[in-house]
PDBML (XML) file of the C-alpha atoms, coordinates in Angstrom:
<?xml version="1.0" encoding="UTF-8" ?>
<PDBx:datablock datablockName="MODEL"
   xmlns:PDBx="http://pdbml.pdb.org/schema/pdbx-v50.xsd"
   xmlns:xsi="http://www.w3.org/2001/XMLSchema-instance"
   xsi:schemaLocation="http://pdbml.pdb.org/schema/pdbx-v50.xsd pdbx-v50.xsd">
   <PDBx:atom_siteCategory>
      <PDBx:atom_site id="1">
         <PDBx:B_iso_or_equiv>0.00</PDBx:B_iso_or_equiv>
         <PDBx:Cartn_x>36.017</PDBx:Cartn_x>
         <PDBx:Cartn_y>-6.134</PDBx:Cartn_y>
         <PDBx:Cartn_z>61.442</PDBx:Cartn_z>
         <PDBx:auth_asym_id>A</PDBx:auth_asym_id>
         <PDBx:auth_atom_id>CA</PDBx:auth_atom_id>
         <PDBx:auth_comp_id>HIS</PDBx:auth_comp_id>
         <PDBx:auth_seq_id>1</PDBx:auth_seq_id>
         <PDBx:group_PDB>ATOM</PDBx:group_PDB>
         <PDBx:label_alt_id xsi:nil="true" />
         <PDBx:label_asym_id>A</PDBx:label_asym_id>
         <PDBx:label_atom_id>CA</PDBx:label_atom_id>
         <PDBx:label_comp_id>HIS</PDBx:label_comp_id>
         <PDBx:label_entity_id>1</PDBx:label_entity_id>
         <PDBx:label_seq_id>1</PDBx:label_seq_id>
         <PDBx:occupancy>1.00</PDBx:occupancy>
         <PDBx:pdbx_PDB_model_num>1</PDBx:pdbx_PDB_model_num>
         <PDBx:type_symbol>C</PDBx:type_symbol>
      </PDBx:atom_site>
      <PDBx:atom_site id="2">
         <PDBx:B_iso_or_equiv>0.00</PDBx:B_iso_or_equiv>
         <PDBx:Cartn_x>38.516</PDBx:Cartn_x>
         <PDBx:Cartn_y>-6.435</PDBx:Cartn_y>
         <PDBx:Cartn_z>58.629</PDBx:Cartn_z>
         <PDBx:auth_asym_id>A</PDBx:auth_asym_id>
         <PDBx:auth_atom_id>CA</PDBx:auth_atom_id>
         <PDBx:auth_comp_id>GLU</PDBx:auth_comp_id>
         <PDBx:auth_seq_id>2</PDBx:auth_seq_id>
         <PDBx:group_PDB>ATOM</PDBx:group_PDB>
         <PDBx:label_alt_id xsi:nil="true" />
         <PDBx:label_asym_id>A</PDBx:label_asym_id>
         <PDBx:label_atom_id>CA</PDBx:label_atom_id>
         <PDBx:label_comp_id>GLU</PDBx:label_comp_id>
         <PDBx:label_entity_id>1</PDBx:label_entity_id>
         <PDBx:label_seq_id>2</PDBx:label_seq_id>
         <PDBx:occupancy>1.00</PDBx:occupancy>
         <PDBx:pdbx_PDB_model_num>1</PDBx:pdbx_PDB_model_num>
         <PDBx:type_symbol>C</PDBx:type_symbol>
      </PDBx:atom_site>
      <PDBx:atom_site id="3">
         <PDBx:B_iso_or_equiv>0.00</PDBx:B_iso_or_equiv>
         <PDBx:Cartn_x>38.099</PDBx:Cartn_x>
         <PDBx:Cartn_y>-6.396</PDBx:Cartn_y>
         <PDBx:Cartn_z>54.867</PDBx:Cartn_z>
         <PDBx:auth_asym_id>A</PDBx:auth_asym_id>
         <PDBx:auth_atom_id>CA</PDBx:auth_atom_id>
         <PDBx:auth_comp_id>ARG</PDBx:auth_comp_id>
         <PDBx:auth_seq_id>3</PDBx:auth_seq_id>
         <PDBx:group_PDB>ATOM</PDBx:group_PDB>
         <PDBx:label_alt_id xsi:nil="true" />
         <PDBx:label_asym_id>A</PDBx:label_asym_id>
         <PDBx:label_atom_id>CA</PDBx:label_atom_id>
         <PDBx:label_comp_id>ARG</PDBx:label_comp_id>
         <PDBx:label_entity_id>1</PDBx:label_entity_id>
         <PDBx:label_seq_id>3</PDBx:label_seq_id>
         <PDBx:occupancy>1.00</PDBx:occupancy>
         <PDBx:pdbx_PDB_model_num>1</PDBx:pdbx_PDB_model_num>
         <PDBx:type_symbol>C</PDBx:type_symbol>
      </PDBx:atom_site>
      <PDBx:atom_site id="4">
         <PDBx:B_iso_or_equiv>0.00</PDBx:B_iso_or_equiv>
         <PDBx:Cartn_x>40.549</PDBx:Cartn_x>
         <PDBx:Cartn_y>-8.295</PDBx:Cartn_y>
         <PDBx:Cartn_z>52.647</PDBx:Cartn_z>
         <PDBx:auth_asym_id>A</PDBx:auth_asym_id>
         <PDBx:auth_atom_id>CA</PDBx:auth_atom_id>
         <PDBx:auth_comp_id>PRO</PDBx:auth_comp_id>
         <PDBx:auth_seq_id>4</PDBx:auth_seq_id>
         <PDBx:group_PDB>ATOM</PDBx:group_PDB>
         <PDBx:label_alt_id xsi:nil="true" />
         <PDBx:label_asym_id>A</PDBx:label_asym_id>
         <PDBx:label_atom_id>CA</PDBx:label_atom_id>
         <PDBx:label_comp_id>PRO</PDBx:label_comp_id>
         <PDBx:label_entity_id>1</PDBx:label_entity_id>
         <PDBx:label_seq_id>4</PDBx:label_seq_id>
         <PDBx:occupancy>1.00</PDBx:occupancy>
         <PDBx:pdbx_PDB_model_num>1</PDBx:pdbx_PDB_model_num>
         <PDBx:type_symbol>C</PDBx:type_symbol>
      </PDBx:atom_site>
      <PDBx:atom_site id="5">
         <PDBx:B_iso_or_equiv>0.00</PDBx:B_iso_or_equiv>
         <PDBx:Cartn_x>41.829</PDBx:Cartn_x>
         <PDBx:Cartn_y>-6.529</PDBx:Cartn_y>
         <PDBx:Cartn_z>49.543</PDBx:Cartn_z>
         <PDBx:auth_asym_id>A</PDBx:auth_asym_id>
         <PDBx:auth_atom_id>CA</PDBx:auth_atom_id>
         <PDBx:auth_comp_id>ILE</PDBx:auth_comp_id>
         <PDBx:auth_seq_id>5</PDBx:auth_seq_id>
         <PDBx:group_PDB>ATOM</PDBx:group_PDB>
         <PDBx:label_alt_id xsi:nil="true" />
         <PDBx:label_asym_id>A</PDBx:label_asym_id>
         <PDBx:label_atom_id>CA</PDBx:label_atom_id>
         <PDBx:label_comp_id>ILE</PDBx:label_comp_id>
         <PDBx:label_entity_id>1</PDBx:label_entity_id>
         <PDBx:label_seq_id>5</PDBx:label_seq_id>
         <PDBx:occupancy>1.00</PDBx:occupancy>
         <PDBx:pdbx_PDB_model_num>1</PDBx:pdbx_PDB_model_num>
         <PDBx:type_symbol>C</PDBx:type_symbol>
      </PDBx:atom_site>
      <PDBx:atom_site id="6">
         <PDBx:B_iso_or_equiv>0.00</PDBx:B_iso_or_equiv>
         <PDBx:Cartn_x>43.146</PDBx:Cartn_x>
         <PDBx:Cartn_y>-9.014</PDBx:Cartn_y>
         <PDBx:Cartn_z>46.984</PDBx:Cartn_z>
         <PDBx:auth_asym_id>A</PDBx:auth_asym_id>
         <PDBx:auth_atom_id>CA</PDBx:auth_atom_id>
         <PDBx:auth_comp_id>ALA</PDBx:auth_comp_id>
         <PDBx:auth_seq_id>6</PDBx:auth_seq_id>
         <PDBx:group_PDB>ATOM</PDBx:group_PDB>
         <PDBx:label_alt_id xsi:nil="true" />
         <PDBx:label_asym_id>A</PDBx:label_asym_id>
         <PDBx:label_atom_id>CA</PDBx:label_atom_id>
         <PDBx:label_comp_id>ALA</PDBx:label_comp_id>
         <PDBx:label_entity_id>1</PDBx:label_entity_id>
         <PDBx:label_seq_id>6</PDBx:label_seq_id>
         <PDBx:occupancy>1.00</PDBx:occupancy>
         <PDBx:pdbx_PDB_model_num>1</PDBx:pdbx_PDB_model_num>
         <PDBx:type_symbol>C</PDBx:type_symbol>
      </PDBx:atom_site>
      <PDBx:atom_site id="7">
         <PDBx:B_iso_or_equiv>0.00</PDBx:B_iso_or_equiv>
         <PDBx:Cartn_x>45.730</PDBx:Cartn_x>
         <PDBx:Cartn_y>-7.872</PDBx:Cartn_y>
         <PDBx:Cartn_z>44.453</PDBx:Cartn_z>
         <PDBx:auth_asym_id>A</PDBx:auth_asym_id>
         <PDBx:auth_atom_id>CA</PDBx:auth_atom_id>
         <PDBx:auth_comp_id>SER</PDBx:auth_comp_id>
         <PDBx:auth_seq_id>7</PDBx:auth_seq_id>
         <PDBx:group_PDB>ATOM</PDBx:group_PDB>
         <PDBx:label_alt_id xsi:nil="true" />
         <PDBx:label_asym_id>A</PDBx:label_asym_id>
         <PDBx:label_atom_id>CA</PDBx:label_atom_id>
         <PDBx:label_comp_id>SER</PDBx:label_comp_id>
         <PDBx:label_entity_id>1</PDBx:label_entity_id>
         <PDBx:label_seq_id>7</PDBx:label_seq_id>
         <PDBx:occupancy>1.00</PDBx:occupancy>
         <PDBx:pdbx_PDB_model_num>1</PDBx:pdbx_PDB_model_num>
         <PDBx:type_symbol>C</PDBx:type_symbol>
      </PDBx:atom_site>
      <PDBx:atom_site id="8">
         <PDBx:B_iso_or_equiv>0.00</PDBx:B_iso_or_equiv>
         <PDBx:Cartn_x>44.932</PDBx:Cartn_x>
         <PDBx:Cartn_y>-10.569</PDBx:Cartn_y>
         <PDBx:Cartn_z>41.914</PDBx:Cartn_z>
         <PDBx:auth_asym_id>A</PDBx:auth_asym_id>
         <PDBx:auth_atom_id>CA</PDBx:auth_atom_id>
         <PDBx:auth_comp_id>GLY</PDBx:auth_comp_id>
         <PDBx:auth_seq_id>8</PDBx:auth_seq_id>
         <PDBx:group_PDB>ATOM</PDBx:group_PDB>
         <PDBx:label_alt_id xsi:nil="true" />
         <PDBx:label_asym_id>A</PDBx:label_asym_id>
         <PDBx:label_atom_id>CA</PDBx:label_atom_id>
         <PDBx:label_comp_id>GLY</PDBx:label_comp_id>
         <PDBx:label_entity_id>1</PDBx:label_entity_id>
         <PDBx:label_seq_id>8</PDBx:label_seq_id>
         <PDBx:occupancy>1.00</PDBx:occupancy>
         <PDBx:pdbx_PDB_model_num>1</PDBx:pdbx_PDB_model_num>
         <PDBx:type_symbol>C</PDBx:type_symbol>
      </PDBx:atom_site>
      <PDBx:atom_site id="9">
         <PDBx:B_iso_or_equiv>0.00</PDBx:B_iso_or_equiv>
         <PDBx:Cartn_x>42.694</PDBx:Cartn_x>
         <PDBx:Cartn_y>-13.518</PDBx:Cartn_y>
         <PDBx:Cartn_z>41.142</PDBx:Cartn_z>
         <PDBx:auth_asym_id>A</PDBx:auth_asym_id>
         <PDBx:auth_atom_id>CA</PDBx:auth_atom_id>
         <PDBx:auth_comp_id>ALA</PDBx:auth_comp_id>
         <PDBx:auth_seq_id>9</PDBx:auth_seq_id>
         <PDBx:group_PDB>ATOM</PDBx:group_PDB>
         <PDBx:label_alt_id xsi:nil="true" />
         <PDBx:label_asym_id>A</PDBx:label_asym_id>
         <PDBx:label_atom_id>CA</PDBx:label_atom_id>
         <PDBx:label_comp_id>ALA</PDBx:label_comp_id>
         <PDBx:label_entity_id>1</PDBx:label_entity_id>
         <PDBx:label_seq_id>9</PDBx:label_seq_id>
         <PDBx:occupancy>1.00</PDBx:occupancy>
         <PDBx:pdbx_PDB_model_num>1</PDBx:pdbx_PDB_model_num>
         <PDBx:type_symbol>C</PDBx:type_symbol>
      </PDBx:atom_site>
      <PDBx:atom_site id="10">
         <PDBx:B_iso_or_equiv>0.00</PDBx:B_iso_or_equiv>
         <PDBx:Cartn_x>40.865</PDBx:Cartn_x>
         <PDBx:Cartn_y>-15.126</PDBx:Cartn_y>
         <PDBx:Cartn_z>44.084</PDBx:Cartn_z>
         <PDBx:auth_asym_id>A</PDBx:auth_asym_id>
         <PDBx:auth_atom_id>CA</PDBx:auth_atom_id>
         <PDBx:auth_comp_id>VAL</PDBx:auth_comp_id>
         <PDBx:auth_seq_id>10</PDBx:auth_seq_id>
         <PDBx:group_PDB>ATOM</PDBx:group_PDB>
         <PDBx:label_alt_id xsi:nil="true" />
         <PDBx:label_asym_id>A</PDBx:label_asym_id>
         <PDBx:label_atom_id>CA</PDBx:label_atom_id>
         <PDBx:label_comp_id>VAL</PDBx:label_comp_id>
         <PDBx:label_entity_id>1</PDBx:label_entity_id>
         <PDBx:label_seq_id>10</PDBx:label_seq_id>
         <PDBx:occupancy>1.00</PDBx:occupancy>
         <PDBx:pdbx_PDB_model_num>1</PDBx:pdbx_PDB_model_num>
         <PDBx:type_symbol>C</PDBx:type_symbol>
      </PDBx:atom_site>
      <PDBx:atom_site id="11">
         <PDBx:B_iso_or_equiv>0.00</PDBx:B_iso_or_equiv>
         <PDBx:Cartn_x>40.177</PDBx:Cartn_x>
         <PDBx:Cartn_y>-18.849</PDBx:Cartn_y>
         <PDBx:Cartn_z>44.246</PDBx:Cartn_z>
         <PDBx:auth_asym_id>A</PDBx:auth_asym_id>
         <PDBx:auth_atom_id>CA</PDBx:auth_atom_id>
         <PDBx:auth_comp_id>GLY</PDBx:auth_comp_id>
         <PDBx:auth_seq_id>11</PDBx:auth_seq_id>
         <PDBx:group_PDB>ATOM</PDBx:group_PDB>
         <PDBx:label_alt_id xsi:nil="true" />
         <PDBx:label_asym_id>A</PDBx:label_asym_id>
         <PDBx:label_atom_id>CA</PDBx:label_atom_id>
         <PDBx:label_comp_id>GLY</PDBx:label_comp_id>
         <PDBx:label_entity_id>1</PDBx:label_entity_id>
         <PDBx:label_seq_id>11</PDBx:label_seq_id>
         <PDBx:occupancy>1.00</PDBx:occupancy>
         <PDBx:pdbx_PDB_model_num>1</PDBx:pdbx_PDB_model_num>
         <PDBx:type_symbol>C</PDBx:type_symbol>
      </PDBx:atom_site>
      <PDBx:atom_site id="12">
         <PDBx:B_iso_or_equiv>0.00</PDBx:B_iso_or_equiv>
         <PDBx:Cartn_x>37.988</PDBx:Cartn_x>
         <PDBx:Cartn_y>-20.968</PDBx:Cartn_y>
         <PDBx:Cartn_z>46.506</PDBx:Cartn_z>
         <PDBx:auth_asym_id>A</PDBx:auth_asym_id>
         <PDBx:auth_atom_id>CA</PDBx:auth_atom_id>
         <PDBx:auth_comp_id>ARG</PDBx:auth_comp_id>
         <PDBx:auth_seq_id>12</PDBx:auth_seq_id>
         <PDBx:group_PDB>ATOM</PDBx:group_PDB>
         <PDBx:label_alt_id xsi:nil="true" />
         <PDBx:label_asym_id>A</PDBx:label_asym_id>
         <PDBx:label_atom_id>CA</PDBx:label_atom_id>
         <PDBx:label_comp_id>ARG</PDBx:label_comp_id>
         <PDBx:label_entity_id>1</PDBx:label_entity_id>
         <PDBx:label_seq_id>12</PDBx:label_seq_id>
         <PDBx:occupancy>1.00</PDBx:occupancy>
         <PDBx:pdbx_PDB_model_num>1</PDBx:pdbx_PDB_model_num>
         <PDBx:type_symbol>C</PDBx:type_symbol>
      </PDBx:atom_site>
      <PDBx:atom_site id="13">
         <PDBx:B_iso_or_equiv>0.00</PDBx:B_iso_or_equiv>
         <PDBx:Cartn_x>38.772</PDBx:Cartn_x>
         <PDBx:Cartn_y>-23.990</PDBx:Cartn_y>
         <PDBx:Cartn_z>48.632</PDBx:Cartn_z>
         <PDBx:auth_asym_id>A</PDBx:auth_asym_id>
         <PDBx:auth_atom_id>CA</PDBx:auth_atom_id>
         <PDBx:auth_comp_id>LEU</PDBx:auth_comp_id>
         <PDBx:auth_seq_id>13</PDBx:auth_seq_id>
         <PDBx:group_PDB>ATOM</PDBx:group_PDB>
         <PDBx:label_alt_id xsi:nil="true" />
         <PDBx:label_asym_id>A</PDBx:label_asym_id>
         <PDBx:label_atom_id>CA</PDBx:label_atom_id>
         <PDBx:label_comp_id>LEU</PDBx:label_comp_id>
         <PDBx:label_entity_id>1</PDBx:label_entity_id>
         <PDBx:label_seq_id>13</PDBx:label_seq_id>
         <PDBx:occupancy>1.00</PDBx:occupancy>
         <PDBx:pdbx_PDB_model_num>1</PDBx:pdbx_PDB_model_num>
         <PDBx:type_symbol>C</PDBx:type_symbol>
      </PDBx:atom_site>
      <PDBx:atom_site id="14">
         <PDBx:B_iso_or_equiv>0.00</PDBx:B_iso_or_equiv>
         <PDBx:Cartn_x>36.037</PDBx:Cartn_x>
         <PDBx:Cartn_y>-26.491</PDBx:Cartn_y>
         <PDBx:Cartn_z>49.385</PDBx:Cartn_z>
         <PDBx:auth_asym_id>A</PDBx:auth_asym_id>
         <PDBx:auth_atom_id>CA</PDBx:auth_atom_id>
         <PDBx:auth_comp_id>THR</PDBx:auth_comp_id>
         <PDBx:auth_seq_id>14</PDBx:auth_seq_id>
         <PDBx:group_PDB>ATOM</PDBx:group_PDB>
         <PDBx:label_alt_id xsi:nil="true" />
         <PDBx:label_asym_id>A</PDBx:label_asym_id>
         <PDBx:label_atom_id>CA</PDBx:label_atom_id>
         <PDBx:label_comp_id>THR</PDBx:label_comp_id>
         <PDBx:label_entity_id>1</PDBx:label_entity_id>
         <PDBx:label_seq_id>14</PDBx:label_seq_id>
         <PDBx:occupancy>1.00</PDBx:occupancy>
         <PDBx:pdbx_PDB_model_num>1</PDBx:pdbx_PDB_model_num>
         <PDBx:type_symbol>C</PDBx:type_symbol>
      </PDBx:atom_site>
      <PDBx:atom_site id="15">
         <PDBx:B_iso_or_equiv>0.00</PDBx:B_iso_or_equiv>
         <PDBx:Cartn_x>36.826</PDBx:Cartn_x>
         <PDBx:Cartn_y>-27.915</PDBx:Cartn_y>
         <PDBx:Cartn_z>52.833</PDBx:Cartn_z>
         <PDBx:auth_asym_id>A</PDBx:auth_asym_id>
         <PDBx:auth_atom_id>CA</PDBx:auth_atom_id>
         <PDBx:auth_comp_id>GLN</PDBx:auth_comp_id>
         <PDBx:auth_seq_id>15</PDBx:auth_seq_id>
         <PDBx:group_PDB>ATOM</PDBx:group_PDB>
         <PDBx:label_alt_id xsi:nil="true" />
         <PDBx:label_asym_id>A</PDBx:label_asym_id>
         <PDBx:label_atom_id>CA</PDBx:label_atom_id>
         <PDBx:label_comp_id>GLN</PDBx:label_comp_id>
         <PDBx:label_entity_id>1</PDBx:label_entity_id>
         <PDBx:label_seq_id>15</PDBx:label_seq_id>
         <PDBx:occupancy>1.00</PDBx:occupancy>
         <PDBx:pdbx_PDB_model_num>1</PDBx:pdbx_PDB_model_num>
         <PDBx:type_symbol>C</PDBx:type_symbol>
      </PDBx:atom_site>
      <PDBx:atom_site id="16">
         <PDBx:B_iso_or_equiv>0.00</PDBx:B_iso_or_equiv>
         <PDBx:Cartn_x>35.811</PDBx:Cartn_x>
         <PDBx:Cartn_y>-26.038</PDBx:Cartn_y>
         <PDBx:Cartn_z>56.002</PDBx:Cartn_z>
         <PDBx:auth_asym_id>A</PDBx:auth_asym_id>
         <PDBx:auth_atom_id>CA</PDBx:auth_atom_id>
         <PDBx:auth_comp_id>PRO</PDBx:auth_comp_id>
         <PDBx:auth_seq_id>16</PDBx:auth_seq_id>
         <PDBx:group_PDB>ATOM</PDBx:group_PDB>
         <PDBx:label_alt_id xsi:nil="true" />
         <PDBx:label_asym_id>A</PDBx:label_asym_id>
         <PDBx:label_atom_id>CA</PDBx:label_atom_id>
         <PDBx:label_comp_id>PRO</PDBx:label_comp_id>
         <PDBx:label_entity_id>1</PDBx:label_entity_id>
         <PDBx:label_seq_id>16</PDBx:label_seq_id>
         <PDBx:occupancy>1.00</PDBx:occupancy>
         <PDBx:pdbx_PDB_model_num>1</PDBx:pdbx_PDB_model_num>
         <PDBx:type_symbol>C</PDBx:type_symbol>
      </PDBx:atom_site>
      <PDBx:atom_site id="17">
         <PDBx:B_iso_or_equiv>0.00</PDBx:B_iso_or_equiv>
         <PDBx:Cartn_x>37.691</PDBx:Cartn_x>
         <PDBx:Cartn_y>-23.954</PDBx:Cartn_y>
         <PDBx:Cartn_z>58.501</PDBx:Cartn_z>
         <PDBx:auth_asym_id>A</PDBx:auth_asym_id>
         <PDBx:auth_atom_id>CA</PDBx:auth_atom_id>
         <PDBx:auth_comp_id>LEU</PDBx:auth_comp_id>
         <PDBx:auth_seq_id>17</PDBx:auth_seq_id>
         <PDBx:group_PDB>ATOM</PDBx:group_PDB>
         <PDBx:label_alt_id xsi:nil="true" />
         <PDBx:label_asym_id>A</PDBx:label_asym_id>
         <PDBx:label_atom_id>CA</PDBx:label_atom_id>
         <PDBx:label_comp_id>LEU</PDBx:label_comp_id>
         <PDBx:label_entity_id>1</PDBx:label_entity_id>
         <PDBx:label_seq_id>17</PDBx:label_seq_id>
         <PDBx:occupancy>1.00</PDBx:occupancy>
         <PDBx:pdbx_PDB_model_num>1</PDBx:pdbx_PDB_model_num>
         <PDBx:type_symbol>C</PDBx:type_symbol>
      </PDBx:atom_site>
      <PDBx:atom_site id="18">
         <PDBx:B_iso_or_equiv>0.00</PDBx:B_iso_or_equiv>
         <PDBx:Cartn_x>36.092</PDBx:Cartn_x>
         <PDBx:Cartn_y>-24.691</PDBx:Cartn_y>
         <PDBx:Cartn_z>61.886</PDBx:Cartn_z>
         <PDBx:auth_asym_id>A</PDBx:auth_asym_id>
         <PDBx:auth_atom_id>CA</PDBx:auth_atom_id>
         <PDBx:auth_comp_id>MET</PDBx:auth_comp_id>
         <PDBx:auth_seq_id>18</PDBx:auth_seq_id>
         <PDBx:group_PDB>ATOM</PDBx:group_PDB>
         <PDBx:label_alt_id xsi:nil="true" />
         <PDBx:label_asym_id>A</PDBx:label_asym_id>
         <PDBx:label_atom_id>CA</PDBx:label_atom_id>
         <PDBx:label_comp_id>MET</PDBx:label_comp_id>
         <PDBx:label_entity_id>1</PDBx:label_entity_id>
         <PDBx:label_seq_id>18</PDBx:label_seq_id>
         <PDBx:occupancy>1.00</PDBx:occupancy>
         <PDBx:pdbx_PDB_model_num>1</PDBx:pdbx_PDB_model_num>
         <PDBx:type_symbol>C</PDBx:type_symbol>
      </PDBx:atom_site>
      <PDBx:atom_site id="19">
         <PDBx:B_iso_or_equiv>0.00</PDBx:B_iso_or_equiv>
         <PDBx:Cartn_x>35.033</PDBx:Cartn_x>
         <PDBx:Cartn_y>-21.851</PDBx:Cartn_y>
         <PDBx:Cartn_z>64.184</PDBx:Cartn_z>
         <PDBx:auth_asym_id>A</PDBx:auth_asym_id>
         <PDBx:auth_atom_id>CA</PDBx:auth_atom_id>
         <PDBx:auth_comp_id>HIS</PDBx:auth_comp_id>
         <PDBx:auth_seq_id>19</PDBx:auth_seq_id>
         <PDBx:group_PDB>ATOM</PDBx:group_PDB>
         <PDBx:label_alt_id xsi:nil="true" />
         <PDBx:label_asym_id>A</PDBx:label_asym_id>
         <PDBx:label_atom_id>CA</PDBx:label_atom_id>
         <PDBx:label_comp_id>HIS</PDBx:label_comp_id>
         <PDBx:label_entity_id>1</PDBx:label_entity_id>
         <PDBx:label_seq_id>19</PDBx:label_seq_id>
         <PDBx:occupancy>1.00</PDBx:occupancy>
         <PDBx:pdbx_PDB_model_num>1</PDBx:pdbx_PDB_model_num>
         <PDBx:type_symbol>C</PDBx:type_symbol>
      </PDBx:atom_site>
      <PDBx:atom_site id="20">
         <PDBx:B_iso_or_equiv>0.00</PDBx:B_iso_or_equiv>
         <PDBx:Cartn_x>33.691</PDBx:Cartn_x>
         <PDBx:Cartn_y>-21.790</PDBx:Cartn_y>
         <PDBx:Cartn_z>67.735</PDBx:Cartn_z>
         <PDBx:auth_asym_id>A</PDBx:auth_asym_id>
         <PDBx:auth_atom_id>CA</PDBx:auth_atom_id>
         <PDBx:auth_comp_id>GLU</PDBx:auth_comp_id>
         <PDBx:auth_seq_id>20</PDBx:auth_seq_id>
         <PDBx:group_PDB>ATOM</PDBx:group_PDB>
         <PDBx:label_alt_id xsi:nil="true" />
         <PDBx:label_asym_id>A</PDBx:label_asym_id>
         <PDBx:label_atom_id>CA</PDBx:label_atom_id>
         <PDBx:label_comp_id>GLU</PDBx:label_comp_id>
         <PDBx:label_entity_id>1</PDBx:label_entity_id>
         <PDBx:label_seq_id>20</PDBx:label_seq_id>
         <PDBx:occupancy>1.00</PDBx:occupancy>
         <PDBx:pdbx_PDB_model_num>1</PDBx:pdbx_PDB_model_num>
         <PDBx:type_symbol>C</PDBx:type_symbol>
      </PDBx:atom_site>
      <PDBx:atom_site id="21">
         <PDBx:B_iso_or_equiv>0.00</PDBx:B_iso_or_equiv>
         <PDBx:Cartn_x>31.974</PDBx:Cartn_x>
         <PDBx:Cartn_y>-18.430</PDBx:Cartn_y>
         <PDBx:Cartn_z>67.379</PDBx:Cartn_z>
         <PDBx:auth_asym_id>A</PDBx:auth_asym_id>
         <PDBx:auth_atom_id>CA</PDBx:auth_atom_id>
         <PDBx:auth_comp_id>SER</PDBx:auth_comp_id>
         <PDBx:auth_seq_id>21</PDBx:auth_seq_id>
         <PDBx:group_PDB>ATOM</PDBx:group_PDB>
         <PDBx:label_alt_id xsi:nil="true" />
         <PDBx:label_asym_id>A</PDBx:label_asym_id>
         <PDBx:label_atom_id>CA</PDBx:label_atom_id>
         <PDBx:label_comp_id>SER</PDBx:label_comp_id>
         <PDBx:label_entity_id>1</PDBx:label_entity_id>
         <PDBx:label_seq_id>21</PDBx:label_seq_id>
         <PDBx:occupancy>1.00</PDBx:occupancy>
         <PDBx:pdbx_PDB_model_num>1</PDBx:pdbx_PDB_model_num>
         <PDBx:type_symbol>C</PDBx:type_symbol>
      </PDBx:atom_site>
      <PDBx:atom_site id="22">
         <PDBx:B_iso_or_equiv>0.00</PDBx:B_iso_or_equiv>
         <PDBx:Cartn_x>29.948</PDBx:Cartn_x>
         <PDBx:Cartn_y>-18.416</PDBx:Cartn_y>
         <PDBx:Cartn_z>70.621</PDBx:Cartn_z>
         <PDBx:auth_asym_id>A</PDBx:auth_asym_id>
         <PDBx:auth_atom_id>CA</PDBx:auth_atom_id>
         <PDBx:auth_comp_id>PHE</PDBx:auth_comp_id>
         <PDBx:auth_seq_id>22</PDBx:auth_seq_id>
         <PDBx:group_PDB>ATOM</PDBx:group_PDB>
         <PDBx:label_alt_id xsi:nil="true" />
         <PDBx:label_asym_id>A</PDBx:label_asym_id>
         <PDBx:label_atom_id>CA</PDBx:label_atom_id>
         <PDBx:label_comp_id>PHE</PDBx:label_comp_id>
         <PDBx:label_entity_id>1</PDBx:label_entity_id>
         <PDBx:label_seq_id>22</PDBx:label_seq_id>
         <PDBx:occupancy>1.00</PDBx:occupancy>
         <PDBx:pdbx_PDB_model_num>1</PDBx:pdbx_PDB_model_num>
         <PDBx:type_symbol>C</PDBx:type_symbol>
      </PDBx:atom_site>
      <PDBx:atom_site id="23">
         <PDBx:B_iso_or_equiv>0.00</PDBx:B_iso_or_equiv>
         <PDBx:Cartn_x>30.438</PDBx:Cartn_x>
         <PDBx:Cartn_y>-21.182</PDBx:Cartn_y>
         <PDBx:Cartn_z>73.166</PDBx:Cartn_z>
         <PDBx:auth_asym_id>A</PDBx:auth_asym_id>
         <PDBx:auth_atom_id>CA</PDBx:auth_atom_id>
         <PDBx:auth_comp_id>ARG</PDBx:auth_comp_id>
         <PDBx:auth_seq_id>23</PDBx:auth_seq_id>
         <PDBx:group_PDB>ATOM</PDBx:group_PDB>
         <PDBx:label_alt_id xsi:nil="true" />
         <PDBx:label_asym_id>A</PDBx:label_asym_id>
         <PDBx:label_atom_id>CA</PDBx:label_atom_id>
         <PDBx:label_comp_id>ARG</PDBx:label_comp_id>
         <PDBx:label_entity_id>1</PDBx:label_entity_id>
         <PDBx:label_seq_id>23</PDBx:label_seq_id>
         <PDBx:occupancy>1.00</PDBx:occupancy>
         <PDBx:pdbx_PDB_model_num>1</PDBx:pdbx_PDB_model_num>
         <PDBx:type_symbol>C</PDBx:type_symbol>
      </PDBx:atom_site>
      <PDBx:atom_site id="24">
         <PDBx:B_iso_or_equiv>0.00</PDBx:B_iso_or_equiv>
         <PDBx:Cartn_x>27.508</PDBx:Cartn_x>
         <PDBx:Cartn_y>-20.174</PDBx:Cartn_y>
         <PDBx:Cartn_z>75.432</PDBx:Cartn_z>
         <PDBx:auth_asym_id>A</PDBx:auth_asym_id>
         <PDBx:auth_atom_id>CA</PDBx:auth_atom_id>
         <PDBx:auth_comp_id>ASP</PDBx:auth_comp_id>
         <PDBx:auth_seq_id>24</PDBx:auth_seq_id>
         <PDBx:group_PDB>ATOM</PDBx:group_PDB>
         <PDBx:label_alt_id xsi:nil="true" />
         <PDBx:label_asym_id>A</PDBx:label_asym_id>
         <PDBx:label_atom_id>CA</PDBx:label_atom_id>
         <PDBx:label_comp_id>ASP</PDBx:label_comp_id>
         <PDBx:label_entity_id>1</PDBx:label_entity_id>
         <PDBx:label_seq_id>24</PDBx:label_seq_id>
         <PDBx:occupancy>1.00</PDBx:occupancy>
         <PDBx:pdbx_PDB_model_num>1</PDBx:pdbx_PDB_model_num>
         <PDBx:type_symbol>C</PDBx:type_symbol>
      </PDBx:atom_site>
      <PDBx:atom_site id="25">
         <PDBx:B_iso_or_equiv>0.00</PDBx:B_iso_or_equiv>
         <PDBx:Cartn_x>24.893</PDBx:Cartn_x>
         <PDBx:Cartn_y>-17.488</PDBx:Cartn_y>
         <PDBx:Cartn_z>76.017</PDBx:Cartn_z>
         <PDBx:auth_asym_id>A</PDBx:auth_asym_id>
         <PDBx:auth_atom_id>CA</PDBx:auth_atom_id>
         <PDBx:auth_comp_id>LEU</PDBx:auth_comp_id>
         <PDBx:auth_seq_id>25</PDBx:auth_seq_id>
         <PDBx:group_PDB>ATOM</PDBx:group_PDB>
         <PDBx:label_alt_id xsi:nil="true" />
         <PDBx:label_asym_id>A</PDBx:label_asym_id>
         <PDBx:label_atom_id>CA</PDBx:label_atom_id>
         <PDBx:label_comp_id>LEU</PDBx:label_comp_id>
         <PDBx:label_entity_id>1</PDBx:label_entity_id>
         <PDBx:label_seq_id>25</PDBx:label_seq_id>
         <PDBx:occupancy>1.00</PDBx:occupancy>
         <PDBx:pdbx_PDB_model_num>1</PDBx:pdbx_PDB_model_num>
         <PDBx:type_symbol>C</PDBx:type_symbol>
      </PDBx:atom_site>
   </PDBx:atom_siteCategory>
</PDBx:datablock>
């Protein structure tokens, strides 16, 4: 895993990034 380290202010977008985490068992 990674951990982001921001150097300044962090904003938020509202629309989703899609992710196929696990396709099957």
